[in-house]
């Protein structure tokens, strides 16, 4: 099996389908199917790190895969009664914005609208991430990121349509921090990473010193794969229920459809590939955490194709031409 997957990797690389790949870890049935690292120029939030020789311990930006991890943290906090139920009114959790809550249209927002990215507020992340016109960048530059999100103009009824919004995740991060009384990284370390045996991580903060719930997490691919295995095991690890199993089921229930046709749950994408159900966290540059439940398979991918419109090609080629054939 090891020889087969290495041959498939070499063939796919020779065909020019793995540009920008930094690392991949695939685990099936608890056994490592593939672990591979390359060298390449890397960035953290737009700052070049130069050419990096990636390895098993090298931390890597997860970008928006962070959103999917934040959803897991929300489920842990909800299980402990520390954050509001998804059906709860959203603005009721932000009492300092009484003026916004007084707007009957905004008062319709619920926590679930943040979880499903269907707030119905004006938000543009289809612009370069080095531009202040990009809504996520504007949020990071704002003196109060949560107010910036919640006061965006209303463009449609909440829940009507999925619209990509890092601001929705920022709101969830704030609810977790307020409910647990801990900064997001501190809660993540105690509630998720330590139980999984993950010791080394970093969580980039915005200009306000608050960790970015939407895109700030840095992990090594091996540790990212552990999170995928946790999802595969319905929140259990080492005999301990880390994330409530009921939350895993709720989180991965399709609720809306993305503009390219994938389903969307609570900050996780839901698709089918080669006839297999796939759930995934996805991040700029080709970052992926992919779980295929019927194959008992988890794949963690890191790459450096940031802002490339074809960045999806490398992770798709890895899964379709290397990993899935090796499982046959």
Protein backbone atom coordinates (compact mmCIF):
# COMPACT_ATOMS: atom_id res chain seq x y z
CA UNK A 1 0.00 0.00 0.00
CA UNK A 2 2.81 2.44 0.91
CA UNK A 3 4.56 1.80 -2.42
CA UNK A 4 1.31 2.20 -4.35
CA UNK A 5 0.41 5.54 -2.80
CA UNK A 6 3.96 6.86 -3.27
CA UNK A 7 3.84 5.87 -6.94
CA UNK A 8 0.48 7.58 -7.36
CA UNK A 9 1.87 10.70 -5.67
CA UNK A 10 4.90 10.74 -7.99
CA UNK A 11 2.73 10.25 -11.08
CA UNK A 12 0.34 13.02 -10.10
CA UNK A 13 3.22 15.37 -9.33
CA UNK A 14 4.84 14.60 -12.70
CA UNK A 15 1.55 15.48 -14.38
CA UNK A 16 1.75 18.96 -12.82
CA UNK A 17 -1.31 18.52 -10.64
CA UNK A 18 0.25 19.17 -7.23
CA UNK A 19 1.64 22.69 -7.57
CA UNK A 20 2.11 24.46 -4.26
CA UNK A 21 1.68 21.37 -2.09
CA UNK A 22 3.34 21.76 1.32
CA UNK A 23 2.13 18.72 3.22
CA UNK A 24 -0.42 15.93 3.32
CA UNK A 25 -1.38 13.38 5.96
CA UNK A 26 -3.99 10.73 5.17
CA UNK A 27 -5.18 8.33 7.87
CA UNK A 28 -7.46 5.38 7.27
CA UNK A 29 -8.77 3.20 10.05
CA UNK A 30 -6.27 4.72 12.44
CA UNK A 31 -3.31 3.85 10.19
CA UNK A 32 -1.26 6.35 8.21
CA UNK A 33 -1.94 5.86 4.51
CA UNK A 34 0.22 8.76 3.35
CA UNK A 35 2.44 11.39 4.95
CA UNK A 36 4.44 13.65 2.70
CA UNK A 37 6.06 17.10 2.92
CA UNK A 38 7.55 19.48 0.37
CA UNK A 39 9.43 22.78 0.49
CA UNK A 40 7.95 26.05 -0.70
CA UNK A 41 7.44 29.72 0.01
CA UNK A 42 4.89 30.23 2.74
CA UNK A 43 3.00 33.12 4.24
CA UNK A 44 1.18 33.79 7.46
CA UNK A 45 -1.67 36.22 6.96
CA UNK A 46 0.10 37.79 3.98
CA UNK A 47 3.54 38.05 5.59
CA UNK A 48 6.14 35.99 3.76
CA UNK A 49 8.00 33.37 5.79
CA UNK A 50 10.39 32.70 2.93
CA UNK A 51 11.02 29.21 1.59
CA UNK A 52 10.16 26.68 4.28
CA UNK A 53 11.25 23.04 4.48
CA UNK A 54 8.03 21.54 5.79
CA UNK A 55 8.04 18.55 8.10
CA UNK A 56 5.92 16.72 10.67
CA UNK A 57 6.30 19.44 13.31
CA UNK A 58 6.02 22.52 11.09
CA UNK A 59 3.06 24.73 11.90
CA UNK A 60 1.08 25.98 8.92
CA UNK A 61 -1.66 28.57 8.45
CA UNK A 62 -5.01 26.80 8.22
CA UNK A 63 -6.74 29.97 7.09
CA UNK A 64 -10.48 29.29 6.92
CA UNK A 65 -10.21 25.69 8.09
CA UNK A 66 -10.04 27.60 11.38
CA UNK A 67 -13.76 28.26 10.95
CA UNK A 68 -14.54 24.55 11.11
CA UNK A 69 -12.43 24.16 14.26
CA UNK A 70 -14.30 27.10 15.79
CA UNK A 71 -17.56 25.26 15.10
CA UNK A 72 -16.23 22.28 17.07
CA UNK A 73 -15.31 24.59 19.95
CA UNK A 74 -18.79 26.07 19.88
CA UNK A 75 -20.23 22.58 20.23
CA UNK A 76 -18.01 21.82 23.22
CA UNK A 77 -19.00 25.07 24.92
CA UNK A 78 -22.68 24.46 24.12
CA UNK A 79 -22.46 21.01 25.69
CA UNK A 80 -21.20 22.66 28.86
CA UNK A 81 -24.03 25.20 28.80
CA UNK A 82 -21.65 28.11 28.26
CA UNK A 83 -22.91 29.52 24.95
CA UNK A 84 -26.41 30.14 23.60
CA UNK A 85 -28.37 27.54 21.67
CA UNK A 86 -28.39 28.14 17.89
CA UNK A 87 -32.06 29.19 18.03
CA UNK A 88 -31.31 32.05 20.44
CA UNK A 89 -31.51 35.66 19.15
CA UNK A 90 -28.04 36.80 18.15
CA UNK A 91 -28.16 40.45 19.19
CA UNK A 92 -29.44 39.51 22.62
CA UNK A 93 -25.94 38.14 23.24
CA UNK A 94 -24.38 41.55 22.46
CA UNK A 95 -26.12 43.80 24.94
CA UNK A 96 -23.73 46.68 24.28
CA UNK A 97 -25.37 47.08 20.85
CA UNK A 98 -28.86 47.99 22.07
CA UNK A 99 -29.24 50.41 19.17
CA UNK A 100 -28.77 47.59 16.67
CA UNK A 101 -31.09 45.27 18.57
CA UNK A 102 -33.79 47.92 18.37
CA UNK A 103 -33.92 47.40 14.59
CA UNK A 104 -36.70 44.79 14.09
CA UNK A 105 -34.98 43.41 10.99
CA UNK A 106 -31.69 42.82 12.82
CA UNK A 107 -33.56 41.45 15.83
CA UNK A 108 -34.53 38.49 13.62
CA UNK A 109 -30.93 37.27 13.53
CA UNK A 110 -30.19 34.07 15.46
CA UNK A 111 -26.97 32.32 16.41
CA UNK A 112 -27.80 29.70 13.76
CA UNK A 113 -27.67 32.38 11.07
CA UNK A 114 -24.05 32.94 12.09
CA UNK A 115 -23.34 29.19 12.14
CA UNK A 116 -24.74 28.78 8.61
CA UNK A 117 -23.33 32.06 7.22
CA UNK A 118 -26.78 33.28 6.30
CA UNK A 119 -26.93 36.59 8.20
CA UNK A 120 -28.30 38.45 5.19
CA UNK A 121 -25.85 41.31 5.78
CA UNK A 122 -23.65 43.01 3.21
CA UNK A 123 -20.28 41.21 3.12
CA UNK A 124 -17.60 41.01 0.40
CA UNK A 125 -14.77 38.51 0.69
CA UNK A 126 -14.41 37.95 -3.04
CA UNK A 127 -11.80 40.74 -3.13
CA UNK A 128 -8.04 40.31 -2.49
CA UNK A 129 -7.20 39.81 1.17
CA UNK A 130 -4.64 42.62 1.03
CA UNK A 131 -7.39 45.13 0.24
CA UNK A 132 -9.26 47.09 2.93
CA UNK A 133 -12.31 46.77 0.67
CA UNK A 134 -12.38 43.08 1.58
CA UNK A 135 -14.89 42.83 4.44
CA UNK A 136 -12.74 40.54 6.57
CA UNK A 137 -9.79 42.94 6.32
CA UNK A 138 -12.08 45.89 7.06
CA UNK A 139 -13.37 44.00 10.11
CA UNK A 140 -9.80 43.48 11.35
CA UNK A 141 -9.09 47.18 10.89
CA UNK A 142 -12.27 48.27 12.68
CA UNK A 143 -12.07 49.43 16.32
CA UNK A 144 -14.86 46.96 17.25
CA UNK A 145 -14.98 43.90 14.98
CA UNK A 146 -18.32 42.58 16.26
CA UNK A 147 -20.08 45.90 15.86
CA UNK A 148 -18.59 46.19 12.38
CA UNK A 149 -20.19 42.87 11.43
CA UNK A 150 -23.57 43.42 13.04
CA UNK A 151 -24.10 46.93 11.66
CA UNK A 152 -23.50 45.96 8.01
CA UNK A 153 -26.40 46.94 5.76
CA UNK A 154 -29.17 44.37 5.48
CA UNK A 155 -29.40 42.99 1.94
CA UNK A 156 -31.79 40.05 2.36
CA UNK A 157 -33.78 38.18 5.03
CA UNK A 158 -31.62 36.09 7.41
CA UNK A 159 -31.50 32.41 6.56
CA UNK A 160 -32.45 32.96 2.92
CA UNK A 161 -29.08 32.23 1.36
CA UNK A 162 -25.54 31.12 2.19
CA UNK A 163 -23.04 33.96 1.75
CA UNK A 164 -19.41 33.50 2.76
CA UNK A 165 -18.73 35.63 5.81
CA UNK A 166 -15.72 35.53 8.13
CA UNK A 167 -17.57 38.03 10.28
CA UNK A 168 -20.08 35.34 11.22
CA UNK A 169 -17.22 33.27 12.66
CA UNK A 170 -15.85 36.28 14.53
CA UNK A 171 -19.22 36.56 16.29
CA UNK A 172 -19.06 32.89 17.27
CA UNK A 173 -15.54 33.36 18.60
CA UNK A 174 -16.75 36.24 20.75
CA UNK A 175 -19.64 34.14 22.11
CA UNK A 176 -17.22 31.34 23.02
CA UNK A 177 -14.79 33.72 24.72
CA UNK A 178 -17.59 35.48 26.64
CA UNK A 179 -19.29 32.25 27.65
CA UNK A 180 -16.18 30.41 28.75
CA UNK A 181 -14.46 33.42 30.28
CA UNK A 182 -11.31 32.51 28.33
CA UNK A 183 -9.67 33.77 25.15
CA UNK A 184 -10.42 31.43 22.26
CA UNK A 185 -6.91 29.86 22.10
CA UNK A 186 -6.90 29.18 25.83
CA UNK A 187 -10.28 27.43 25.68
CA UNK A 188 -9.19 25.51 22.58
CA UNK A 189 -6.04 24.27 24.32
CA UNK A 190 -7.90 22.96 27.35
CA UNK A 191 -11.08 21.69 25.72
CA UNK A 192 -9.87 20.34 22.37
CA UNK A 193 -6.14 20.32 21.73
CA UNK A 194 -4.85 18.89 25.00
CA UNK A 195 -7.34 15.98 25.02
CA UNK A 196 -6.19 15.17 21.45
CA UNK A 197 -2.53 15.30 22.46
CA UNK A 198 -1.91 18.47 20.44
CA UNK A 199 0.68 20.53 22.26
CA UNK A 200 2.06 22.93 19.68
CA UNK A 201 -0.16 25.44 17.92
CA UNK A 202 -0.42 29.14 17.27
CA UNK A 203 -3.43 31.40 16.84
CA UNK A 204 -2.87 34.68 15.03
CA UNK A 205 -4.55 37.74 16.52
CA UNK A 206 -6.00 40.77 14.83
CA UNK A 207 -4.95 44.35 15.48
CA UNK A 208 -7.20 44.39 18.56
CA UNK A 209 -5.28 41.49 20.10
CA UNK A 210 -8.23 39.11 19.71
CA UNK A 211 -7.51 35.72 18.13
CA UNK A 212 -9.08 35.39 14.70
CA UNK A 213 -11.80 32.75 14.95
CA UNK A 214 -12.15 32.87 11.16
CA UNK A 215 -8.61 32.32 9.91
CA UNK A 216 -5.93 32.54 12.59
CA UNK A 217 -5.15 28.95 13.59
CA UNK A 218 -1.77 27.35 12.80
CA UNK A 219 -1.28 23.60 13.22
CA UNK A 220 0.96 20.86 11.87
CA UNK A 221 -0.82 18.56 9.36
CA UNK A 222 -0.55 15.57 11.70
CA UNK A 223 -2.47 17.47 14.36
CA UNK A 224 -5.00 18.76 11.87
CA UNK A 225 -5.61 15.14 10.87
CA UNK A 226 -6.32 14.26 14.51
CA UNK A 227 -9.17 16.75 14.47
CA UNK A 228 -10.53 15.00 11.40
CA UNK A 229 -10.30 11.65 13.16
CA UNK A 230 -12.23 13.18 16.06
CA UNK A 231 -15.03 14.17 13.69
CA UNK A 232 -14.93 10.69 12.15
CA UNK A 233 -15.35 9.19 15.64
CA UNK A 234 -18.34 11.47 16.34
CA UNK A 235 -16.45 13.53 18.87
CA UNK A 236 -14.84 10.71 20.87
CA UNK A 237 -11.12 10.24 21.46
CA UNK A 238 -9.24 7.87 23.75
CA UNK A 239 -12.40 6.84 25.56
CA UNK A 240 -13.38 10.47 26.19
CA UNK A 241 -16.28 12.31 24.55
CA UNK A 242 -14.57 15.58 23.68
CA UNK A 243 -17.30 17.02 21.45
CA UNK A 244 -20.92 15.95 22.07
CA UNK A 245 -21.89 13.35 19.47
CA UNK A 246 -25.21 15.14 19.02
CA UNK A 247 -23.33 18.30 18.01
CA UNK A 248 -21.30 16.44 15.39
CA UNK A 249 -24.54 15.21 13.84
CA UNK A 250 -26.13 18.65 14.00
CA UNK A 251 -23.02 20.40 12.70
CA UNK A 252 -22.78 18.14 9.65
CA UNK A 253 -26.45 18.31 8.69
CA UNK A 254 -26.84 20.09 5.32
CA UNK A 255 -28.81 23.32 5.75
CA UNK A 256 -27.95 25.58 2.82
CA UNK A 257 -26.19 25.34 -0.51
CA UNK A 258 -23.04 27.21 -1.52
CA UNK A 259 -22.89 29.10 -4.79
CA UNK A 260 -20.93 26.22 -6.38
CA UNK A 261 -23.42 23.58 -5.23
CA UNK A 262 -21.88 22.05 -2.11
CA UNK A 263 -24.01 21.68 0.97
CA UNK A 264 -23.22 23.69 4.08
CA UNK A 265 -23.85 22.78 7.71
CA UNK A 266 -22.48 24.63 10.70
CA UNK A 267 -19.19 25.93 9.24
CA UNK A 268 -18.48 22.63 7.43
CA UNK A 269 -18.86 21.90 3.71
CA UNK A 270 -20.74 18.78 2.62
CA UNK A 271 -20.10 17.22 -0.77
CA UNK A 272 -19.83 13.93 -2.64
CA UNK A 273 -16.63 12.83 -4.37
CA UNK A 274 -16.36 9.67 -6.47
CA UNK A 275 -19.60 8.48 -4.89
CA UNK A 276 -18.37 9.01 -1.34
CA UNK A 277 -19.81 11.44 1.21
CA UNK A 278 -17.26 14.07 2.13
CA UNK A 279 -17.27 16.69 4.90
CA UNK A 280 -14.58 19.34 4.88
CA UNK A 281 -13.06 22.47 6.26
CA UNK A 282 -11.48 24.61 3.51
CA UNK A 283 -9.02 27.46 3.61
CA UNK A 284 -7.33 29.93 1.25
CA UNK A 285 -4.27 28.53 -0.47
CA UNK A 286 -5.50 24.95 -0.67
CA UNK A 287 -5.76 24.16 3.05
CA UNK A 288 -8.12 21.24 3.64
CA UNK A 289 -9.39 18.99 6.39
CA UNK A 290 -11.38 16.27 4.64
CA UNK A 291 -13.30 13.44 6.27
CA UNK A 292 -14.85 10.60 4.26
CA UNK A 293 -16.92 8.63 6.79
CA UNK A 294 -17.74 5.57 4.69
CA UNK A 295 -14.03 5.03 3.97
CA UNK A 296 -12.97 5.70 7.58
CA UNK A 297 -10.58 8.22 6.04
CA UNK A 298 -9.22 11.59 7.12
CA UNK A 299 -7.01 13.81 4.94
CA UNK A 300 -5.18 16.96 6.08
CA UNK A 301 -3.62 19.11 3.35
CA UNK A 302 -1.51 22.26 3.54
CA UNK A 303 -0.50 24.26 0.48
CA UNK A 304 0.77 27.66 -0.59
CA UNK A 305 -1.50 28.67 -3.46
CA UNK A 306 -2.87 31.70 -1.64
CA UNK A 307 -5.36 33.84 -3.56
CA UNK A 308 -4.91 31.69 -6.68
CA UNK A 309 -8.28 31.22 -8.41
CA UNK A 310 -7.25 27.62 -9.21
CA UNK A 311 -6.07 26.82 -5.69
CA UNK A 312 -8.70 24.05 -5.40
CA UNK A 313 -6.98 21.95 -8.06
CA UNK A 314 -4.14 20.65 -5.87
CA UNK A 315 -6.26 19.26 -3.01
CA UNK A 316 -8.80 17.80 -5.46
CA UNK A 317 -6.02 16.11 -7.47
CA UNK A 318 -4.50 14.69 -4.28
CA UNK A 319 -7.78 13.14 -3.22
CA UNK A 320 -8.99 11.96 -6.63
CA UNK A 321 -5.71 10.76 -8.15
CA UNK A 322 -3.64 9.68 -5.14
CA UNK A 323 -5.60 8.95 -1.99
CA UNK A 324 -8.88 7.48 -3.23
CA UNK A 325 -7.19 5.10 -5.73
CA UNK A 326 -4.94 3.88 -2.90
CA UNK A 327 -7.98 2.89 -0.87
CA UNK A 328 -9.31 0.54 -3.55
